[in-house]
Protein backbone atom coordinates (compact mmCIF):
# COMPACT_ATOMS: atom_id res chain seq x y z
CA UNK A 1 3.62 -41.02 -140.64
CA UNK A 2 6.65 -42.78 -139.48
CA UNK A 3 10.20 -42.74 -140.63
CA UNK A 4 13.10 -45.48 -140.37
CA UNK A 5 16.41 -45.23 -140.65
CA UNK A 6 19.30 -47.60 -140.15
CA UNK A 7 22.21 -45.86 -138.23
CA UNK A 8 25.05 -48.24 -137.02
CA UNK A 9 22.72 -51.60 -137.14
CA UNK A 10 20.24 -49.76 -134.80
CA UNK A 11 16.75 -48.68 -135.88
CA UNK A 12 15.81 -45.17 -134.99
CA UNK A 13 12.24 -43.63 -135.88
CA UNK A 14 10.14 -40.43 -135.37
CA UNK A 15 6.50 -40.37 -136.11
CA UNK A 16 3.58 -37.92 -135.09
CA UNK A 17 0.71 -39.61 -132.44
CA UNK A 18 -1.46 -37.00 -132.47
CA UNK A 19 -2.36 -33.60 -133.26
CA UNK A 20 -4.73 -31.66 -131.06
CA UNK A 21 -5.38 -27.75 -130.35
CA UNK A 22 -2.71 -27.73 -127.66
CA UNK A 23 0.19 -29.84 -129.41
CA UNK A 24 1.75 -32.41 -131.00
CA UNK A 25 2.30 -35.77 -129.63
CA UNK A 26 5.80 -37.26 -131.22
CA UNK A 27 7.53 -40.80 -130.72
CA UNK A 28 11.17 -40.83 -130.99
CA UNK A 29 13.20 -43.36 -130.46
CA UNK A 30 10.52 -45.32 -128.28
CA UNK A 31 10.10 -42.28 -126.37
CA UNK A 32 6.74 -40.07 -126.50
CA UNK A 33 7.13 -36.38 -126.28
CA UNK A 34 4.21 -33.82 -126.42
CA UNK A 35 5.29 -30.40 -128.06
CA UNK A 36 2.65 -28.03 -127.01
CA UNK A 37 2.01 -24.78 -129.33
CA UNK A 38 3.51 -22.41 -126.64
CA UNK A 39 7.11 -23.37 -127.37
CA UNK A 40 6.49 -24.33 -131.03
CA UNK A 41 3.84 -21.83 -132.37
CA UNK A 42 5.49 -21.71 -135.84
CA UNK A 43 3.63 -25.01 -135.92
CA UNK A 44 0.29 -24.42 -135.04
CA UNK A 45 -1.54 -23.23 -137.90
CA UNK A 46 0.59 -25.49 -140.11
CA UNK A 47 -0.85 -28.19 -142.70
CA UNK A 48 -1.33 -31.71 -141.50
CA UNK A 49 0.48 -32.98 -144.10
CA UNK A 50 3.27 -30.96 -143.45
CA UNK A 51 3.50 -31.78 -139.70
CA UNK A 52 3.17 -35.46 -140.25
CA UNK A 53 6.23 -35.20 -142.64
CA UNK A 54 8.34 -36.05 -139.52
CA UNK A 55 11.85 -37.99 -139.89
CA UNK A 56 14.98 -38.55 -138.13
CA UNK A 57 17.67 -35.84 -139.15
CA UNK A 58 21.18 -37.72 -138.13
CA UNK A 59 21.10 -39.75 -134.48
CA UNK A 60 20.11 -36.72 -132.23
CA UNK A 61 17.87 -34.73 -134.17
CA UNK A 62 14.29 -34.95 -136.01
CA UNK A 63 12.76 -32.55 -138.98
CA UNK A 64 10.01 -31.53 -140.89
CA UNK A 65 11.59 -30.82 -144.43
CA UNK A 66 8.41 -29.25 -145.62
CA UNK A 67 8.20 -27.02 -142.87
CA UNK A 68 12.12 -25.91 -142.41
CA UNK A 69 12.06 -27.15 -138.70
CA UNK A 70 14.07 -29.17 -136.95
CA UNK A 71 14.79 -30.04 -133.14
CA UNK A 72 18.00 -31.94 -131.57
CA UNK A 73 16.79 -34.53 -129.24
CA UNK A 74 18.11 -33.18 -125.83
CA UNK A 75 15.29 -30.64 -126.57
CA UNK A 76 12.47 -33.03 -126.40
CA UNK A 77 14.39 -34.09 -123.28
CA UNK A 78 14.66 -31.07 -121.52
CA UNK A 79 13.01 -28.39 -122.85
CA UNK A 80 13.75 -26.12 -119.95
CA UNK A 81 17.06 -25.81 -121.26
CA UNK A 82 16.04 -24.40 -124.35
CA UNK A 83 13.61 -21.12 -123.51
CA UNK A 84 12.10 -20.17 -126.55
CA UNK A 85 13.85 -16.54 -127.23
CA UNK A 86 13.54 -14.47 -130.14
CA UNK A 87 16.32 -12.50 -131.29
CA UNK A 88 15.86 -9.49 -132.97
CA UNK A 89 17.88 -7.31 -135.47
CA UNK A 90 18.36 -4.03 -136.98
CA UNK A 91 16.07 -5.29 -140.10
CA UNK A 92 13.56 -6.21 -138.10
CA UNK A 93 12.67 -2.36 -137.41
CA UNK A 94 12.94 -0.90 -140.58
CA UNK A 95 10.07 1.54 -141.70
CA UNK A 96 8.86 1.88 -138.12
């Protein structure tokens, strides 16, 4: 699925090119990016229809509204700057 929006007379778009066992290939603003499930594990078991429903969320972000997931384009361009970190709080350990 491809979504196109007009912003400041410039066309921007986001689309899923491929889904396989290792991750998702995206095209965003004419650039292709591979998102490994190692970096986005919450999308590995997502319904295909929901993964295909990607759209621009402003000029520098994309979103999957069905999955409540959004990513800044800078995290696609420079994934090394955005390590996957799970922050825990005291509620994660209630009842243990």
